[in-house]
Amino acid sequence: MATEGLTIFGKTVFDTLFIDYRIMVIAAIISIILFIVGIYIQLDKWGRGIPEGATKPYGAWGALKMIISRIFEKGLGHALEVLVLDVAFQRRTYRRRKLEWLMHILIFWGWVGLLILTIIAAIAEFYGPFALGAGPEFFINMWKSLELPNDIFGYMLVAGIIIAMARRLFSTGKDVQARNADIDWILIIGLLIVVITGFYAQGIREAADIERAVIPVYEAEAPGFFNNITVLFHEVFTLLFCVAYIPFSKSFHMLTAPLTILVNQGGE
């Protein structure tokens, strides 16, 4: 097979998305812009109140400054301790409810891990030809090294979603309200769609032998793979749901909950 890839600004990039990179660039830009706008809207809401001793509301930027100052009120060391123990590993949830802690850890680290690996792969994809002038081997080797952690984080996310669904279907007592929490189901179903289509997309890439040989991502050379509708849906839906949608939904608690913990210095 030929070893040509996608030509971007005069450089050849060996792509594994199997969709037109222009679609991804447009979807990514739109998602990031919507995310930033959503964050600003939320900050503006938080800054509308007039604090004690003040004559006017904080506003969005004032709210952001207040949050940052509160987080580091007791110093950088304490802030890092809270970030690691209370946010990353959720020690307070672990003390109270072990199953809920496991669910949150699996979903949080599964999502964060896949996000980090995606960023690493994207950097490698462009860093090789643009910064090193390297051929396809640089990216292919990086892609292979990320295969195992990608699978691990993917299955962590699946396990967390299964626990979340089970808790909501079989909850009793006070937890029965979880069954009627529509936003929980929206988040769970959305993540499930991301995971299922993601595994399918990975299967498409493996079927095209991307991990063992350099192949072009053109329909003529890989019929049925390039611009596959399910892979296209996965990439665009993941950006819109996991980035753009978050600040406009109650799923925003994935960001506000850690912020609250940090602002409260790890307090309950």
Protein backbone atom coordinates (compact mmCIF):
# COMPACT_ATOMS: atom_id res chain seq x y z
CA MET A 1 0.00 0.00 0.00
CA ALA A 2 1.01 3.58 -0.48
CA THR A 3 2.29 5.44 2.55
CA GLU A 4 0.72 8.79 1.85
CA GLY A 5 -1.41 10.48 4.49
CA LEU A 6 -3.27 13.74 4.84
CA THR A 7 -1.49 16.87 3.62
CA ILE A 8 -1.94 19.80 6.03
CA PHE A 9 0.01 23.03 5.47
CA GLY A 10 2.45 21.16 3.28
CA LYS A 11 3.14 18.44 5.88
CA THR A 12 1.96 14.84 5.68
CA VAL A 13 0.00 13.77 8.76
CA PHE A 14 -0.83 10.09 9.22
CA ASP A 15 -4.37 10.11 10.53
CA THR A 16 -6.27 7.44 12.48
CA LEU A 17 -9.60 9.23 12.92
CA PHE A 18 -10.81 7.87 9.57
CA ILE A 19 -12.90 10.98 9.01
CA ASP A 20 -12.20 14.26 7.27
CA TYR A 21 -9.93 16.19 9.66
CA ARG A 22 -11.72 19.43 8.67
CA ILE A 23 -14.90 18.11 10.25
CA MET A 24 -13.00 17.41 13.46
CA VAL A 25 -11.37 20.85 13.49
CA ILE A 26 -14.71 22.61 13.00
CA ALA A 27 -16.44 20.45 15.64
CA ALA A 28 -13.58 21.00 18.10
CA ILE A 29 -13.57 24.78 17.63
CA ILE A 30 -17.35 24.99 18.05
CA SER A 31 -17.24 22.77 21.15
CA ILE A 32 -14.45 24.77 22.81
CA ILE A 33 -16.17 28.10 22.07
CA LEU A 34 -19.47 26.83 23.51
CA PHE A 35 -17.65 25.47 26.56
CA ILE A 36 -15.94 28.82 27.22
CA VAL A 37 -19.20 30.71 26.73
CA GLY A 38 -20.96 28.32 29.12
CA ILE A 39 -18.25 28.76 31.75
CA TYR A 40 -18.54 32.55 31.45
CA ILE A 41 -22.34 32.38 31.83
CA GLN A 42 -21.98 30.27 34.98
CA LEU A 43 -19.34 32.60 36.44
CA ASP A 44 -21.59 35.56 35.67
CA LYS A 45 -24.43 33.89 37.61
CA TRP A 46 -22.16 33.26 40.58
CA GLY A 47 -20.96 36.87 40.51
CA ARG A 48 -24.39 38.54 40.55
CA GLY A 49 -24.73 38.62 44.31
CA ILE A 50 -23.36 41.53 46.34
CA PRO A 51 -20.90 40.22 48.97
CA GLU A 52 -20.95 41.59 52.50
CA GLY A 53 -19.13 44.91 52.61
CA ALA A 54 -19.22 45.37 48.82
CA THR A 55 -21.22 47.96 46.91
CA LYS A 56 -21.71 46.04 43.67
CA PRO A 57 -21.71 42.44 42.42
CA TYR A 58 -18.44 40.67 41.72
CA GLY A 59 -19.30 39.90 38.12
CA ALA A 60 -17.86 36.96 36.19
CA TRP A 61 -14.20 37.91 36.51
CA GLY A 62 -14.62 38.90 40.15
CA ALA A 63 -16.19 35.52 40.89
CA LEU A 64 -13.26 33.79 39.20
CA LYS A 65 -10.74 35.79 41.23
CA MET A 66 -12.64 35.03 44.44
CA ILE A 67 -12.66 31.29 43.68
CA ILE A 68 -8.92 31.27 42.97
CA SER A 69 -8.11 33.27 46.11
CA ARG A 70 -10.23 30.97 48.29
CA ILE A 71 -8.62 27.85 46.84
CA PHE A 72 -5.11 29.07 47.72
CA GLU A 73 -6.13 30.79 50.95
CA LYS A 74 -4.17 28.28 53.05
CA GLY A 75 -1.27 28.01 50.65
CA LEU A 76 -0.30 25.96 47.64
CA GLY A 77 0.56 22.86 49.68
CA HIS A 78 -2.86 22.63 51.29
CA ALA A 79 -4.58 23.25 47.95
CA LEU A 80 -2.62 20.40 46.37
CA GLU A 81 -3.48 18.09 49.28
CA VAL A 82 -7.19 18.80 48.84
CA LEU A 83 -6.91 18.42 45.05
CA VAL A 84 -5.24 15.01 45.29
CA LEU A 85 -7.01 13.44 48.29
CA ASP A 86 -10.48 15.01 48.13
CA VAL A 87 -10.95 15.67 44.42
CA ALA A 88 -8.85 13.06 42.62
CA PHE A 89 -9.35 10.22 45.11
CA GLN A 90 -12.51 11.43 46.91
CA ARG A 91 -11.54 10.29 50.40
CA ARG A 92 -14.66 11.76 52.03
CA THR A 93 -16.99 9.84 49.72
CA TYR A 94 -14.95 6.70 50.43
CA ARG A 95 -15.51 7.09 54.17
CA ARG A 96 -19.28 7.37 53.75
CA ARG A 97 -20.34 5.23 50.77
CA LYS A 98 -17.86 2.75 49.30
CA LEU A 99 -19.92 1.75 46.23
CA GLU A 100 -20.66 5.35 45.29
CA TRP A 101 -16.95 6.11 45.70
CA LEU A 102 -16.02 3.25 43.35
CA MET A 103 -18.56 4.43 40.77
CA HIS A 104 -17.25 8.01 40.86
CA ILE A 105 -13.61 6.91 40.67
CA LEU A 106 -14.24 4.63 37.69
CA ILE A 107 -16.22 7.24 35.76
CA PHE A 108 -14.00 10.19 36.70
CA TRP A 109 -10.67 8.52 36.00
CA GLY A 110 -12.00 6.64 32.99
CA TRP A 111 -13.18 9.91 31.43
CA VAL A 112 -10.09 11.90 32.44
CA GLY A 113 -7.74 9.13 31.35
CA LEU A 114 -9.29 8.85 27.89
CA LEU A 115 -9.21 12.64 27.54
CA ILE A 116 -5.51 12.77 28.42
CA LEU A 117 -4.63 9.93 26.04
CA THR A 118 -6.63 11.58 23.24
CA ILE A 119 -4.69 14.81 23.73
CA ILE A 120 -1.38 12.90 23.73
CA ALA A 121 -2.31 11.09 20.52
CA ALA A 122 -3.37 14.32 18.84
CA ILE A 123 -0.11 16.02 19.83
CA ALA A 124 1.94 13.08 18.56
CA GLU A 125 0.02 13.05 15.30
CA PHE A 126 1.10 16.61 14.49
CA TYR A 127 4.32 16.86 16.53
CA GLY A 128 6.08 14.20 14.47
CA PRO A 129 5.78 15.77 11.00
CA PHE A 130 5.73 19.44 12.05
CA ALA A 131 8.32 19.56 14.87
CA LEU A 132 10.57 16.58 14.14
CA GLY A 133 10.08 16.11 10.43
CA ALA A 134 9.52 12.46 11.34
CA GLY A 135 7.84 9.91 9.17
CA PRO A 136 4.85 7.75 10.09
CA GLU A 137 6.83 5.51 12.46
CA PHE A 138 6.81 8.13 15.23
CA PHE A 139 3.03 8.31 15.35
CA ILE A 140 2.47 4.59 14.77
CA ASN A 141 4.76 3.71 17.70
CA MET A 142 3.02 6.25 19.93
CA TRP A 143 -0.37 4.86 18.89
CA LYS A 144 0.72 1.32 19.80
CA SER A 145 2.00 2.42 23.22
CA LEU A 146 -1.36 3.99 24.04
CA GLU A 147 -3.43 0.95 23.09
CA LEU A 148 -3.34 -0.80 26.49
CA PRO A 149 -4.06 2.29 28.66
CA ASN A 150 -6.84 3.25 26.23
CA ASP A 151 -8.46 -0.14 26.79
CA ILE A 152 -8.00 0.10 30.57
CA PHE A 153 -9.60 3.55 30.85
CA GLY A 154 -12.36 2.54 28.46
CA TYR A 155 -13.31 -0.50 30.54
CA MET A 156 -13.10 1.59 33.72
CA LEU A 157 -15.68 3.95 32.25
CA VAL A 158 -17.90 1.03 31.24
CA ALA A 159 -17.70 -0.46 34.75
CA GLY A 160 -18.56 2.89 36.34
CA ILE A 161 -21.56 3.32 34.05
CA ILE A 162 -22.81 -0.19 34.88
CA ILE A 163 -22.58 0.55 38.62
CA ALA A 164 -24.36 3.89 38.11
CA MET A 165 -27.19 2.21 36.18
CA ALA A 166 -27.52 -0.55 38.78
CA ARG A 167 -27.69 1.98 41.64
CA ARG A 168 -30.45 3.89 39.90
CA LEU A 169 -32.44 0.81 38.89
CA PHE A 170 -32.22 -1.02 42.22
CA SER A 171 -31.86 1.85 44.70
CA THR A 172 -33.96 1.75 47.87
CA GLY A 173 -34.83 4.11 50.70
CA LYS A 174 -33.64 7.68 50.27
CA ASP A 175 -31.69 6.69 47.17
CA VAL A 176 -34.94 5.89 45.33
CA GLN A 177 -35.01 9.55 44.19
CA ALA A 178 -32.09 8.68 41.95
CA ARG A 179 -34.44 6.71 39.70
CA ASN A 180 -36.30 9.89 38.83
CA ALA A 181 -33.21 12.06 38.32
CA ASP A 182 -33.52 12.56 34.57
CA ILE A 183 -30.21 14.36 34.32
CA ASP A 184 -28.45 11.33 35.77
CA TRP A 185 -29.89 9.21 32.99
CA ILE A 186 -28.93 11.79 30.37
CA LEU A 187 -25.33 11.72 31.60
CA ILE A 188 -25.22 7.93 31.84
CA ILE A 189 -26.83 7.33 28.43
CA GLY A 190 -24.60 9.97 26.84
CA LEU A 191 -21.46 8.35 28.24
CA LEU A 192 -22.74 4.94 27.17
CA ILE A 193 -23.15 6.20 23.60
CA VAL A 194 -19.62 7.60 23.69
CA VAL A 195 -18.19 4.31 24.95
CA ILE A 196 -20.08 2.00 22.58
CA THR A 197 -19.33 4.05 19.47
CA GLY A 198 -15.75 4.51 20.70
CA PHE A 199 -15.14 0.77 20.88
CA TYR A 200 -16.69 0.42 17.43
CA ALA A 201 -14.40 3.15 16.07
CA GLN A 202 -11.39 1.36 17.56
CA GLY A 203 -12.53 -1.85 15.89
CA ILE A 204 -12.68 -0.04 12.54
CA ARG A 205 -9.10 1.18 13.00
CA GLU A 206 -7.85 -2.28 13.98
CA ALA A 207 -9.64 -3.86 11.00
CA ALA A 208 -7.82 -1.40 8.74
CA ASP A 209 -4.51 -2.66 10.21
CA ILE A 210 -3.49 0.83 11.34
CA GLU A 211 -1.40 -0.56 14.21
CA ARG A 212 0.78 -2.84 12.08
CA ALA A 213 1.15 -0.97 8.82
CA VAL A 214 1.10 2.56 7.49
CA ILE A 215 -2.01 3.01 5.41
CA PRO A 216 -3.60 6.01 3.77
CA VAL A 217 -7.05 6.95 5.03
CA TYR A 218 -8.68 7.26 1.65
CA GLU A 219 -11.74 5.43 0.38
CA ALA A 220 -9.83 4.08 -2.61
CA GLU A 221 -7.31 2.30 -0.38
CA ALA A 222 -9.51 1.44 2.61
CA PRO A 223 -13.06 1.02 1.29
CA GLY A 224 -15.73 1.29 3.96
CA PHE A 225 -13.41 2.80 6.56
CA PHE A 226 -12.92 6.44 5.60
CA ASN A 227 -15.74 8.70 6.76
CA ASN A 228 -17.60 5.76 8.28
CA ILE A 229 -20.84 7.24 9.60
CA THR A 230 -20.57 5.62 13.06
CA VAL A 231 -16.97 6.75 13.53
CA LEU A 232 -17.94 10.24 12.36
CA PHE A 233 -20.85 10.29 14.82
CA HIS A 234 -18.60 9.11 17.67
CA GLU A 235 -15.97 11.80 17.17
CA VAL A 236 -18.43 14.70 16.76
CA PHE A 237 -20.89 13.52 19.45
CA THR A 238 -18.06 13.03 21.96
CA LEU A 239 -16.86 16.60 21.43
CA LEU A 240 -20.34 18.09 21.70
CA PHE A 241 -21.48 15.98 24.67
CA CYS A 242 -18.25 15.82 26.68
CA VAL A 243 -17.13 19.40 26.05
CA ALA A 244 -19.75 21.81 24.70
CA TYR A 245 -22.75 20.40 26.60
CA ILE A 246 -21.24 20.26 30.09
CA PRO A 247 -21.55 23.94 31.22
CA PHE A 248 -25.19 24.11 30.08
CA SER A 249 -26.39 21.04 31.97
CA LYS A 250 -26.60 19.74 35.49
CA SER A 251 -23.67 17.54 34.49
CA PHE A 252 -21.69 20.70 35.25
CA HIS A 253 -21.50 19.31 38.80
CA MET A 254 -18.53 17.28 37.54
CA LEU A 255 -16.67 20.61 37.62
CA THR A 256 -18.56 22.51 40.32
CA ALA A 257 -18.29 19.72 42.89
CA PRO A 258 -14.47 19.67 42.81
CA LEU A 259 -14.45 23.49 42.85
CA THR A 260 -16.71 23.52 45.90
CA ILE A 261 -14.41 21.09 47.69
CA LEU A 262 -11.38 23.22 46.83
CA VAL A 263 -13.06 26.48 47.86
CA ASN A 264 -14.16 24.93 51.16
CA GLN A 265 -10.61 23.73 51.78
CA GLY A 266 -11.73 20.12 51.68
CA GLY A 267 -14.60 20.62 54.13
CA GLU A 268 -17.80 18.65 53.96
